[in-house]
Amino acid sequence: ERFHMPCEYAFMLTTALRFVPDFLSDSKATLDAQSCRGYSNRGSVFK
């Protein structure tokens, strides 16, 4: 309304901001699930 940005770009920008905390919580849940399946982050940086 005020900055006259196209609604598609405004929705895209605000949706990206909204999905950041969801993405962080999903990453933590996925990491915990993979750790239960034997995932290990030990070793060198490349490993």
ModelCIF file with pLDDT and N, C-alpha, C, O atoms, coordinates in Angstrom:
data_MODEL
#
_entry.id   MODEL 
#
_entity.id                         1 
_entity.type                       polymer 
_entity.pdbx_number_of_molecules   1 
#
_entity_poly.entity_id                      1 
_entity_poly.type                           'polypeptide(L)' 
_entity_poly.nstd_linkage                   no 
_entity_poly.nstd_monomer                   no 
_entity_poly.pdbx_seq_one_letter_code       ERFHMPCEYAFMLTTALRFVPDFLSDSKATLDAQSCRGYSNRGSVFK 
_entity_poly.pdbx_seq_one_letter_code_can   ERFHMPCEYAFMLTTALRFVPDFLSDSKATLDAQSCRGYSNRGSVFK 
_entity_poly.pdbx_strand_id                 A 
#
loop_
_entity_poly_seq.entity_id 
_entity_poly_seq.num 
_entity_poly_seq.mon_id 
_entity_poly_seq.hetero 
1 1  GLU n 
1 2  ARG n 
1 3  PHE n 
1 4  HIS n 
1 5  MET n 
1 6  PRO n 
1 7  CYS n 
1 8  GLU n 
1 9  TYR n 
1 10 ALA n 
1 11 PHE n 
1 12 MET n 
1 13 LEU n 
1 14 THR n 
1 15 THR n 
1 16 ALA n 
1 17 LEU n 
1 18 ARG n 
1 19 PHE n 
1 20 VAL n 
1 21 PRO n 
1 22 ASP n 
1 23 PHE n 
1 24 LEU n 
1 25 SER n 
1 26 ASP n 
1 27 SER n 
1 28 LYS n 
1 29 ALA n 
1 30 THR n 
1 31 LEU n 
1 32 ASP n 
1 33 ALA n 
1 34 GLN n 
1 35 SER n 
1 36 CYS n 
1 37 ARG n 
1 38 GLY n 
1 39 TYR n 
1 40 SER n 
1 41 ASN n 
1 42 ARG n 
1 43 GLY n 
1 44 SER n 
1 45 VAL n 
1 46 PHE n 
1 47 LYS n 
#
_struct_asym.id          A 
_struct_asym.entity_id   1 
#
loop_
_ma_qa_metric.id 
_ma_qa_metric.mode 
_ma_qa_metric.name 
_ma_qa_metric.software_group_id 
_ma_qa_metric.type 
1 global pLDDT . pLDDT 
2 local  pLDDT . pLDDT 
#
_ma_qa_metric_global.metric_id      1 
_ma_qa_metric_global.metric_value   73.45 
_ma_qa_metric_global.model_id       1 
_ma_qa_metric_global.ordinal_id     1 
#
loop_
_ma_qa_metric_local.label_asym_id 
_ma_qa_metric_local.label_comp_id 
_ma_qa_metric_local.label_seq_id 
_ma_qa_metric_local.metric_id 
_ma_qa_metric_local.metric_value 
_ma_qa_metric_local.model_id 
_ma_qa_metric_local.ordinal_id 
A GLU 1  2 83.00 1 1  
A ARG 2  2 83.00 1 2  
A PHE 3  2 84.00 1 3  
A HIS 4  2 81.00 1 4  
A MET 5  2 82.00 1 5  
A PRO 6  2 81.00 1 6  
A CYS 7  2 77.00 1 7  
A GLU 8  2 77.00 1 8  
A TYR 9  2 81.00 1 9  
A ALA 10 2 80.00 1 10 
A PHE 11 2 79.00 1 11 
A MET 12 2 80.00 1 12 
A LEU 13 2 80.00 1 13 
A THR 14 2 78.00 1 14 
A THR 15 2 77.00 1 15 
A ALA 16 2 76.00 1 16 
A LEU 17 2 74.00 1 17 
A ARG 18 2 71.00 1 18 
A PHE 19 2 73.00 1 19 
A VAL 20 2 68.00 1 20 
A PRO 21 2 66.00 1 21 
A ASP 22 2 70.00 1 22 
A PHE 23 2 69.00 1 23 
A LEU 24 2 66.00 1 24 
A SER 25 2 71.00 1 25 
A ASP 26 2 71.00 1 26 
A SER 27 2 72.00 1 27 
A LYS 28 2 73.00 1 28 
A ALA 29 2 76.00 1 29 
A THR 30 2 75.00 1 30 
A LEU 31 2 73.00 1 31 
A ASP 32 2 75.00 1 32 
A ALA 33 2 76.00 1 33 
A GLN 34 2 72.00 1 34 
A SER 35 2 74.00 1 35 
A CYS 36 2 77.00 1 36 
A ARG 37 2 72.00 1 37 
A GLY 38 2 72.00 1 38 
A TYR 39 2 66.00 1 39 
A SER 40 2 66.00 1 40 
A ASN 41 2 65.00 1 41 
A ARG 42 2 67.00 1 42 
A GLY 43 2 64.00 1 43 
A SER 44 2 66.00 1 44 
A VAL 45 2 61.00 1 45 
A PHE 46 2 67.00 1 46 
A LYS 47 2 65.00 1 47 
#
loop_
_atom_site.group_PDB 
_atom_site.id 
_atom_site.type_symbol 
_atom_site.label_atom_id 
_atom_site.label_alt_id 
_atom_site.label_comp_id 
_atom_site.label_asym_id 
_atom_site.label_entity_id 
_atom_site.label_seq_id 
_atom_site.pdbx_PDB_ins_code 
_atom_site.Cartn_x 
_atom_site.Cartn_y 
_atom_site.Cartn_z 
_atom_site.occupancy 
_atom_site.B_iso_or_equiv 
_atom_site.pdbx_formal_charge 
_atom_site.auth_seq_id 
_atom_site.auth_comp_id 
_atom_site.auth_asym_id 
_atom_site.auth_atom_id 
_atom_site.pdbx_PDB_model_num 
ATOM 1   N N  . GLU A 1 1  ? 0.804  -1.221  0.000  1.00 83.00 ? 1  GLU A N  1 
ATOM 2   C CA . GLU A 1 1  ? 0.000  0.000   0.000  1.00 83.00 ? 1  GLU A CA 1 
ATOM 3   C C  . GLU A 1 1  ? 0.839  1.276   0.000  1.00 83.00 ? 1  GLU A C  1 
ATOM 4   O O  . GLU A 1 1  ? 0.556  2.206   -0.755 1.00 83.00 ? 1  GLU A O  1 
ATOM 5   N N  . ARG A 1 2  ? 1.869  1.322   0.843  1.00 83.00 ? 2  ARG A N  1 
ATOM 6   C CA . ARG A 1 2  ? 2.636  2.559   1.025  1.00 83.00 ? 2  ARG A CA 1 
ATOM 7   C C  . ARG A 1 2  ? 3.838  2.656   0.093  1.00 83.00 ? 2  ARG A C  1 
ATOM 8   O O  . ARG A 1 2  ? 4.128  3.721   -0.451 1.00 83.00 ? 2  ARG A O  1 
ATOM 9   N N  . PHE A 1 3  ? 4.533  1.536   -0.088 1.00 84.00 ? 3  PHE A N  1 
ATOM 10  C CA . PHE A 1 3  ? 5.734  1.552   -0.928 1.00 84.00 ? 3  PHE A CA 1 
ATOM 11  C C  . PHE A 1 3  ? 5.449  1.087   -2.357 1.00 84.00 ? 3  PHE A C  1 
ATOM 12  O O  . PHE A 1 3  ? 6.346  1.070   -3.200 1.00 84.00 ? 3  PHE A O  1 
ATOM 13  N N  . HIS A 1 4  ? 4.204  0.713   -2.623 1.00 81.00 ? 4  HIS A N  1 
ATOM 14  C CA . HIS A 1 4  ? 3.757  0.318   -3.960 1.00 81.00 ? 4  HIS A CA 1 
ATOM 15  C C  . HIS A 1 4  ? 4.605  -0.815  -4.554 1.00 81.00 ? 4  HIS A C  1 
ATOM 16  O O  . HIS A 1 4  ? 4.898  -0.835  -5.749 1.00 81.00 ? 4  HIS A O  1 
ATOM 17  N N  . MET A 1 5  ? 4.981  -1.737  -3.698 1.00 82.00 ? 5  MET A N  1 
ATOM 18  C CA . MET A 1 5  ? 5.692  -2.923  -4.164 1.00 82.00 ? 5  MET A CA 1 
ATOM 19  C C  . MET A 1 5  ? 4.682  -3.920  -4.712 1.00 82.00 ? 5  MET A C  1 
ATOM 20  O O  . MET A 1 5  ? 3.611  -4.079  -4.127 1.00 82.00 ? 5  MET A O  1 
ATOM 21  N N  . PRO A 1 6  ? 4.988  -4.605  -5.827 1.00 81.00 ? 6  PRO A N  1 
ATOM 22  C CA . PRO A 1 6  ? 4.061  -5.632  -6.331 1.00 81.00 ? 6  PRO A CA 1 
ATOM 23  C C  . PRO A 1 6  ? 3.763  -6.671  -5.261 1.00 81.00 ? 6  PRO A C  1 
ATOM 24  O O  . PRO A 1 6  ? 4.646  -7.077  -4.507 1.00 81.00 ? 6  PRO A O  1 
ATOM 25  N N  . CYS A 1 7  ? 2.512  -7.092  -5.207 1.00 77.00 ? 7  CYS A N  1 
ATOM 26  C CA . CYS A 1 7  ? 2.087  -7.995  -4.130 1.00 77.00 ? 7  CYS A CA 1 
ATOM 27  C C  . CYS A 1 7  ? 2.859  -9.308  -4.145 1.00 77.00 ? 7  CYS A C  1 
ATOM 28  O O  . CYS A 1 7  ? 3.097  -9.899  -3.092 1.00 77.00 ? 7  CYS A O  1 
ATOM 29  N N  . GLU A 1 8  ? 3.256  -9.774  -5.344 1.00 77.00 ? 8  GLU A N  1 
ATOM 30  C CA . GLU A 1 8  ? 4.001  -11.024 -5.431 1.00 77.00 ? 8  GLU A CA 1 
ATOM 31  C C  . GLU A 1 8  ? 5.351  -10.909 -4.728 1.00 77.00 ? 8  GLU A C  1 
ATOM 32  O O  . GLU A 1 8  ? 5.759  -11.814 -4.001 1.00 77.00 ? 8  GLU A O  1 
ATOM 33  N N  . TYR A 1 9  ? 6.049  -9.780  -4.951 1.00 81.00 ? 9  TYR A N  1 
ATOM 34  C CA . TYR A 1 9  ? 7.357  -9.595  -4.324 1.00 81.00 ? 9  TYR A CA 1 
ATOM 35  C C  . TYR A 1 9  ? 7.226  -9.368  -2.816 1.00 81.00 ? 9  TYR A C  1 
ATOM 36  O O  . TYR A 1 9  ? 8.051  -9.844  -2.035 1.00 81.00 ? 9  TYR A O  1 
ATOM 37  N N  . ALA A 1 10 ? 6.198  -8.648  -2.422 1.00 80.00 ? 10 ALA A N  1 
ATOM 38  C CA . ALA A 1 10 ? 5.986  -8.424  -0.988 1.00 80.00 ? 10 ALA A CA 1 
ATOM 39  C C  . ALA A 1 10 ? 5.682  -9.735  -0.268 1.00 80.00 ? 10 ALA A C  1 
ATOM 40  O O  . ALA A 1 10 ? 6.192  -9.996  0.822  1.00 80.00 ? 10 ALA A O  1 
ATOM 41  N N  . PHE A 1 11 ? 4.835  -10.558 -0.903 1.00 79.00 ? 11 PHE A N  1 
ATOM 42  C CA . PHE A 1 11 ? 4.519  -11.851 -0.291 1.00 79.00 ? 11 PHE A CA 1 
ATOM 43  C C  . PHE A 1 11 ? 5.749  -12.745 -0.251 1.00 79.00 ? 11 PHE A C  1 
ATOM 44  O O  . PHE A 1 11 ? 5.968  -13.455 0.730  1.00 79.00 ? 11 PHE A O  1 
ATOM 45  N N  . MET A 1 12 ? 6.561  -12.717 -1.316 1.00 80.00 ? 12 MET A N  1 
ATOM 46  C CA . MET A 1 12 ? 7.761  -13.538 -1.352 1.00 80.00 ? 12 MET A CA 1 
ATOM 47  C C  . MET A 1 12 ? 8.737  -13.130 -0.253 1.00 80.00 ? 12 MET A C  1 
ATOM 48  O O  . MET A 1 12 ? 9.328  -13.982 0.410  1.00 80.00 ? 12 MET A O  1 
ATOM 49  N N  . LEU A 1 13 ? 8.901  -11.817 -0.063 1.00 80.00 ? 13 LEU A N  1 
ATOM 50  C CA . LEU A 1 13 ? 9.816  -11.329 0.956  1.00 80.00 ? 13 LEU A CA 1 
ATOM 51  C C  . LEU A 1 13 ? 9.354  -11.697 2.355  1.00 80.00 ? 13 LEU A C  1 
ATOM 52  O O  . LEU A 1 13 ? 10.138 -12.208 3.155  1.00 80.00 ? 13 LEU A O  1 
ATOM 53  N N  . THR A 1 14 ? 8.087  -11.442 2.655  1.00 78.00 ? 14 THR A N  1 
ATOM 54  C CA . THR A 1 14 ? 7.579  -11.723 3.995  1.00 78.00 ? 14 THR A CA 1 
ATOM 55  C C  . THR A 1 14 ? 7.473  -13.218 4.268  1.00 78.00 ? 14 THR A C  1 
ATOM 56  O O  . THR A 1 14 ? 7.647  -13.652 5.407  1.00 78.00 ? 14 THR A O  1 
ATOM 57  N N  . THR A 1 15 ? 7.190  -14.010 3.233  1.00 77.00 ? 15 THR A N  1 
ATOM 58  C CA . THR A 1 15 ? 7.140  -15.459 3.419  1.00 77.00 ? 15 THR A CA 1 
ATOM 59  C C  . THR A 1 15 ? 8.516  -16.015 3.732  1.00 77.00 ? 15 THR A C  1 
ATOM 60  O O  . THR A 1 15 ? 8.651  -16.929 4.545  1.00 77.00 ? 15 THR A O  1 
ATOM 61  N N  . ALA A 1 16 ? 9.543  -15.464 3.087  1.00 76.00 ? 16 ALA A N  1 
ATOM 62  C CA . ALA A 1 16 ? 10.908 -15.896 3.392  1.00 76.00 ? 16 ALA A CA 1 
ATOM 63  C C  . ALA A 1 16 ? 11.261 -15.594 4.849  1.00 76.00 ? 16 ALA A C  1 
ATOM 64  O O  . ALA A 1 16 ? 11.899 -16.408 5.517  1.00 76.00 ? 16 ALA A O  1 
ATOM 65  N N  . LEU A 1 17 ? 10.845 -14.423 5.341  1.00 74.00 ? 17 LEU A N  1 
ATOM 66  C CA . LEU A 1 17 ? 11.096 -14.087 6.738  1.00 74.00 ? 17 LEU A CA 1 
ATOM 67  C C  . LEU A 1 17 ? 10.322 -15.008 7.676  1.00 74.00 ? 17 LEU A C  1 
ATOM 68  O O  . LEU A 1 17 ? 10.812 -15.376 8.744  1.00 74.00 ? 17 LEU A O  1 
ATOM 69  N N  . ARG A 1 18 ? 9.123  -15.373 7.272  1.00 71.00 ? 18 ARG A N  1 
ATOM 70  C CA . ARG A 1 18 ? 8.297  -16.240 8.108  1.00 71.00 ? 18 ARG A CA 1 
ATOM 71  C C  . ARG A 1 18 ? 8.848  -17.661 8.170  1.00 71.00 ? 18 ARG A C  1 
ATOM 72  O O  . ARG A 1 18 ? 8.698  -18.338 9.187  1.00 71.00 ? 18 ARG A O  1 
ATOM 73  N N  . PHE A 1 19 ? 9.486  -18.119 7.088  1.00 73.00 ? 19 PHE A N  1 
ATOM 74  C CA . PHE A 1 19 ? 9.949  -19.498 7.031  1.00 73.00 ? 19 PHE A CA 1 
ATOM 75  C C  . PHE A 1 19 ? 11.321 -19.686 7.657  1.00 73.00 ? 19 PHE A C  1 
ATOM 76  O O  . PHE A 1 19 ? 11.765 -20.821 7.826  1.00 73.00 ? 19 PHE A O  1 
ATOM 77  N N  . VAL A 1 20 ? 12.004 -18.603 8.004  1.00 68.00 ? 20 VAL A N  1 
ATOM 78  C CA . VAL A 1 20 ? 13.329 -18.745 8.616  1.00 68.00 ? 20 VAL A CA 1 
ATOM 79  C C  . VAL A 1 20 ? 13.256 -19.493 9.945  1.00 68.00 ? 20 VAL A C  1 
ATOM 80  O O  . VAL A 1 20 ? 13.988 -20.469 10.109 1.00 68.00 ? 20 VAL A O  1 
ATOM 81  N N  . PRO A 1 21 ? 12.410 -19.091 10.913 1.00 66.00 ? 21 PRO A N  1 
ATOM 82  C CA . PRO A 1 21 ? 12.340 -19.865 12.161 1.00 66.00 ? 21 PRO A CA 1 
ATOM 83  C C  . PRO A 1 21 ? 11.842 -21.293 11.952 1.00 66.00 ? 21 PRO A C  1 
ATOM 84  O O  . PRO A 1 21 ? 12.289 -22.211 12.640 1.00 66.00 ? 21 PRO A O  1 
ATOM 85  N N  . ASP A 1 22 ? 10.914 -21.489 11.000 1.00 70.00 ? 22 ASP A N  1 
ATOM 86  C CA . ASP A 1 22 ? 10.452 -22.844 10.710 1.00 70.00 ? 22 ASP A CA 1 
ATOM 87  C C  . ASP A 1 22 ? 11.587 -23.703 10.147 1.00 70.00 ? 22 ASP A C  1 
ATOM 88  O O  . ASP A 1 22 ? 11.713 -24.880 10.486 1.00 70.00 ? 22 ASP A O  1 
ATOM 89  N N  . PHE A 1 23 ? 12.406 -23.105 9.287  1.00 69.00 ? 23 PHE A N  1 
ATOM 90  C CA . PHE A 1 23 ? 13.520 -23.840 8.704  1.00 69.00 ? 23 PHE A CA 1 
ATOM 91  C C  . PHE A 1 23 ? 14.543 -24.214 9.771  1.00 69.00 ? 23 PHE A C  1 
ATOM 92  O O  . PHE A 1 23 ? 15.108 -25.307 9.730  1.00 69.00 ? 23 PHE A O  1 
ATOM 93  N N  . LEU A 1 24 ? 14.785 -23.313 10.729 1.00 66.00 ? 24 LEU A N  1 
ATOM 94  C CA . LEU A 1 24 ? 15.728 -23.607 11.802 1.00 66.00 ? 24 LEU A CA 1 
ATOM 95  C C  . LEU A 1 24 ? 15.210 -24.727 12.703 1.00 66.00 ? 24 LEU A C  1 
ATOM 96  O O  . LEU A 1 24 ? 15.970 -25.609 13.103 1.00 66.00 ? 24 LEU A O  1 
ATOM 97  N N  . SER A 1 25 ? 13.921 -24.689 13.018 1.00 71.00 ? 25 SER A N  1 
ATOM 98  C CA . SER A 1 25 ? 13.354 -25.761 13.846 1.00 71.00 ? 25 SER A CA 1 
ATOM 99  C C  . SER A 1 25 ? 13.353 -27.091 13.110 1.00 71.00 ? 25 SER A C  1 
ATOM 100 O O  . SER A 1 25 ? 13.591 -28.132 13.722 1.00 71.00 ? 25 SER A O  1 
ATOM 101 N N  . ASP A 1 26 ? 13.088 -27.074 11.796 1.00 71.00 ? 26 ASP A N  1 
ATOM 102 C CA . ASP A 1 26 ? 13.134 -28.297 11.000 1.00 71.00 ? 26 ASP A CA 1 
ATOM 103 C C  . ASP A 1 26 ? 14.549 -28.869 10.939 1.00 71.00 ? 26 ASP A C  1 
ATOM 104 O O  . ASP A 1 26 ? 14.736 -30.085 10.981 1.00 71.00 ? 26 ASP A O  1 
ATOM 105 N N  . SER A 1 27 ? 15.537 -27.992 10.840 1.00 72.00 ? 27 SER A N  1 
ATOM 106 C CA . SER A 1 27 ? 16.919 -28.472 10.796 1.00 72.00 ? 27 SER A CA 1 
ATOM 107 C C  . SER A 1 27 ? 17.315 -29.148 12.103 1.00 72.00 ? 27 SER A C  1 
ATOM 108 O O  . SER A 1 27 ? 18.022 -30.156 12.095 1.00 72.00 ? 27 SER A O  1 
ATOM 109 N N  . LYS A 1 28 ? 16.859 -28.593 13.228 1.00 73.00 ? 28 LYS A N  1 
ATOM 110 C CA . LYS A 1 28 ? 17.157 -29.212 14.519 1.00 73.00 ? 28 LYS A CA 1 
ATOM 111 C C  . LYS A 1 28 ? 16.457 -30.564 14.645 1.00 73.00 ? 28 LYS A C  1 
ATOM 112 O O  . LYS A 1 28 ? 17.050 -31.533 15.118 1.00 73.00 ? 28 LYS A O  1 
ATOM 113 N N  . ALA A 1 29 ? 15.173 -30.624 14.213 1.00 76.00 ? 29 ALA A N  1 
ATOM 114 C CA . ALA A 1 29 ? 14.443 -31.889 14.283 1.00 76.00 ? 29 ALA A CA 1 
ATOM 115 C C  . ALA A 1 29 ? 15.066 -32.939 13.362 1.00 76.00 ? 29 ALA A C  1 
ATOM 116 O O  . ALA A 1 29 ? 15.163 -34.109 13.731 1.00 76.00 ? 29 ALA A O  1 
ATOM 117 N N  . THR A 1 30 ? 15.485 -32.527 12.171 1.00 75.00 ? 30 THR A N  1 
ATOM 118 C CA . THR A 1 30 ? 16.109 -33.460 11.236 1.00 75.00 ? 30 THR A CA 1 
ATOM 119 C C  . THR A 1 30 ? 17.445 -33.955 11.772 1.00 75.00 ? 30 THR A C  1 
ATOM 120 O O  . THR A 1 30 ? 17.771 -35.134 11.637 1.00 75.00 ? 30 THR A O  1 
ATOM 121 N N  . LEU A 1 31 ? 18.220 -33.057 12.380 1.00 73.00 ? 31 LEU A N  1 
ATOM 122 C CA . LEU A 1 31 ? 19.504 -33.455 12.950 1.00 73.00 ? 31 LEU A CA 1 
ATOM 123 C C  . LEU A 1 31 ? 19.321 -34.449 14.086 1.00 73.00 ? 31 LEU A C  1 
ATOM 124 O O  . LEU A 1 31 ? 20.081 -35.410 14.197 1.00 73.00 ? 31 LEU A O  1 
ATOM 125 N N  . ASP A 1 32 ? 18.312 -34.224 14.938 1.00 75.00 ? 32 ASP A N  1 
ATOM 126 C CA . ASP A 1 32 ? 18.037 -35.168 16.029 1.00 75.00 ? 32 ASP A CA 1 
ATOM 127 C C  . ASP A 1 32 ? 17.586 -36.517 15.483 1.00 75.00 ? 32 ASP A C  1 
ATOM 128 O O  . ASP A 1 32 ? 17.990 -37.560 15.998 1.00 75.00 ? 32 ASP A O  1 
ATOM 129 N N  . ALA A 1 33 ? 16.753 -36.505 14.443 1.00 76.00 ? 33 ALA A N  1 
ATOM 130 C CA . ALA A 1 33 ? 16.274 -37.759 13.857 1.00 76.00 ? 33 ALA A CA 1 
ATOM 131 C C  . ALA A 1 33 ? 17.418 -38.550 13.224 1.00 76.00 ? 33 ALA A C  1 
ATOM 132 O O  . ALA A 1 33 ? 17.488 -39.770 13.370 1.00 76.00 ? 33 ALA A O  1 
ATOM 133 N N  . GLN A 1 34 ? 18.312 -37.854 12.521 1.00 72.00 ? 34 GLN A N  1 
ATOM 134 C CA . GLN A 1 34 ? 19.438 -38.540 11.891 1.00 72.00 ? 34 GLN A CA 1 
ATOM 135 C C  . GLN A 1 34 ? 20.453 -39.010 12.924 1.00 72.00 ? 34 GLN A C  1 
ATOM 136 O O  . GLN A 1 34 ? 21.129 -40.017 12.712 1.00 72.00 ? 34 GLN A O  1 
ATOM 137 N N  . SER A 1 35 ? 20.568 -38.296 14.037 1.00 74.00 ? 35 SER A N  1 
ATOM 138 C CA . SER A 1 35 ? 21.462 -38.747 15.107 1.00 74.00 ? 35 SER A CA 1 
ATOM 139 C C  . SER A 1 35 ? 20.968 -40.049 15.728 1.00 74.00 ? 35 SER A C  1 
ATOM 140 O O  . SER A 1 35 ? 21.768 -40.905 16.105 1.00 74.00 ? 35 SER A O  1 
ATOM 141 N N  . CYS A 1 36 ? 19.649 -40.196 15.832 1.00 77.00 ? 36 CYS A N  1 
ATOM 142 C CA . CYS A 1 36 ? 19.086 -41.452 16.339 1.00 77.00 ? 36 CYS A CA 1 
ATOM 143 C C  . CYS A 1 36 ? 19.349 -42.617 15.380 1.00 77.00 ? 36 CYS A C  1 
ATOM 144 O O  . CYS A 1 36 ? 19.350 -43.780 15.784 1.00 77.00 ? 36 CYS A O  1 
ATOM 145 N N  . ARG A 1 37 ? 19.570 -42.288 14.107 1.00 72.00 ? 37 ARG A N  1 
ATOM 146 C CA . ARG A 1 37 ? 19.851 -43.322 13.108 1.00 72.00 ? 37 ARG A CA 1 
ATOM 147 C C  . ARG A 1 37 ? 21.347 -43.586 12.936 1.00 72.00 ? 37 ARG A C  1 
ATOM 148 O O  . ARG A 1 37 ? 21.745 -44.328 12.037 1.00 72.00 ? 37 ARG A O  1 
ATOM 149 N N  . GLY A 1 38 ? 22.177 -42.983 13.791 1.00 72.00 ? 38 GLY A N  1 
ATOM 150 C CA . GLY A 1 38 ? 23.605 -43.248 13.730 1.00 72.00 ? 38 GLY A CA 1 
ATOM 151 C C  . GLY A 1 38 ? 24.437 -42.167 13.095 1.00 72.00 ? 38 GLY A C  1 
ATOM 152 O O  . GLY A 1 38 ? 25.615 -42.385 12.812 1.00 72.00 ? 38 GLY A O  1 
ATOM 153 N N  . TYR A 1 39 ? 23.856 -40.998 12.862 1.00 66.00 ? 39 TYR A N  1 
ATOM 154 C CA . TYR A 1 39 ? 24.627 -39.910 12.260 1.00 66.00 ? 39 TYR A CA 1 
ATOM 155 C C  . TYR A 1 39 ? 25.656 -39.392 13.249 1.00 66.00 ? 39 TYR A C  1 
ATOM 156 O O  . TYR A 1 39 ? 25.360 -39.214 14.430 1.00 66.00 ? 39 TYR A O  1 
ATOM 157 N N  . SER A 1 40 ? 26.871 -39.152 12.759 1.00 66.00 ? 40 SER A N  1 
ATOM 158 C CA . SER A 1 40 ? 27.954 -38.645 13.594 1.00 66.00 ? 40 SER A CA 1 
ATOM 159 C C  . SER A 1 40 ? 28.692 -37.553 12.825 1.00 66.00 ? 40 SER A C  1 
ATOM 160 O O  . SER A 1 40 ? 28.964 -37.695 11.633 1.00 66.00 ? 40 SER A O  1 
ATOM 161 N N  . ASN A 1 41 ? 29.008 -36.476 13.511 1.00 65.00 ? 41 ASN A N  1 
ATOM 162 C CA . ASN A 1 41 ? 29.715 -35.361 12.888 1.00 65.00 ? 41 ASN A CA 1 
ATOM 163 C C  . ASN A 1 41 ? 31.158 -35.271 13.366 1.00 65.00 ? 41 ASN A C  1 
ATOM 164 O O  . ASN A 1 41 ? 31.726 -34.181 13.444 1.00 65.00 ? 41 ASN A O  1 
ATOM 165 N N  . ARG A 1 42 ? 31.738 -36.403 13.682 1.00 67.00 ? 42 ARG A N  1 
ATOM 166 C CA . ARG A 1 42 ? 33.126 -36.428 14.135 1.00 67.00 ? 42 ARG A CA 1 
ATOM 167 C C  . ARG A 1 42 ? 34.052 -36.653 12.944 1.00 67.00 ? 42 ARG A C  1 
ATOM 168 O O  . ARG A 1 42 ? 33.637 -37.118 11.882 1.00 67.00 ? 42 ARG A O  1 
ATOM 169 N N  . GLY A 1 43 ? 35.320 -36.307 13.157 1.00 64.00 ? 43 GLY A N  1 
ATOM 170 C CA . GLY A 1 43 ? 36.316 -36.474 12.106 1.00 64.00 ? 43 GLY A CA 1 
ATOM 171 C C  . GLY A 1 43 ? 36.785 -35.142 11.563 1.00 64.00 ? 43 GLY A C  1 
ATOM 172 O O  . GLY A 1 43 ? 36.574 -34.097 12.180 1.00 64.00 ? 43 GLY A O  1 
ATOM 173 N N  . SER A 1 44 ? 37.422 -35.183 10.404 1.00 66.00 ? 44 SER A N  1 
ATOM 174 C CA . SER A 1 44 ? 37.944 -33.975 9.781  1.00 66.00 ? 44 SER A CA 1 
ATOM 175 C C  . SER A 1 44 ? 36.805 -33.116 9.233  1.00 66.00 ? 44 SER A C  1 
ATOM 176 O O  . SER A 1 44 ? 35.640 -33.516 9.246  1.00 66.00 ? 44 SER A O  1 
ATOM 177 N N  . VAL A 1 45 ? 37.171 -31.930 8.752  1.00 61.00 ? 45 VAL A N  1 
ATOM 178 C CA . VAL A 1 45 ? 36.164 -31.008 8.220  1.00 61.00 ? 45 VAL A CA 1 
ATOM 179 C C  . VAL A 1 45 ? 35.486 -31.596 6.994  1.00 61.00 ? 45 VAL A C  1 
ATOM 180 O O  . VAL A 1 45 ? 34.273 -31.466 6.830  1.00 61.00 ? 45 VAL A O  1 
ATOM 181 N N  . PHE A 1 46 ? 36.262 -32.243 6.132  1.00 67.00 ? 46 PHE A N  1 
ATOM 182 C CA . PHE A 1 46 ? 35.694 -32.831 4.919  1.00 67.00 ? 46 PHE A CA 1 
ATOM 183 C C  . PHE A 1 46 ? 34.753 -33.989 5.248  1.00 67.00 ? 46 PHE A C  1 
ATOM 184 O O  . PHE A 1 46 ? 33.716 -34.151 4.605  1.00 67.00 ? 46 PHE A O  1 
ATOM 185 N N  . LYS A 1 47 ? 35.112 -34.784 6.241  1.00 65.00 ? 47 LYS A N  1 
ATOM 186 C CA . LYS A 1 47 ? 34.225 -35.876 6.648  1.00 65.00 ? 47 LYS A CA 1 
ATOM 187 C C  . LYS A 1 47 ? 32.924 -35.342 7.235  1.00 65.00 ? 47 LYS A C  1 
ATOM 188 O O  . LYS A 1 47 ? 32.059 -36.124 7.631  1.00 65.00 ? 47 LYS A O  1 
#
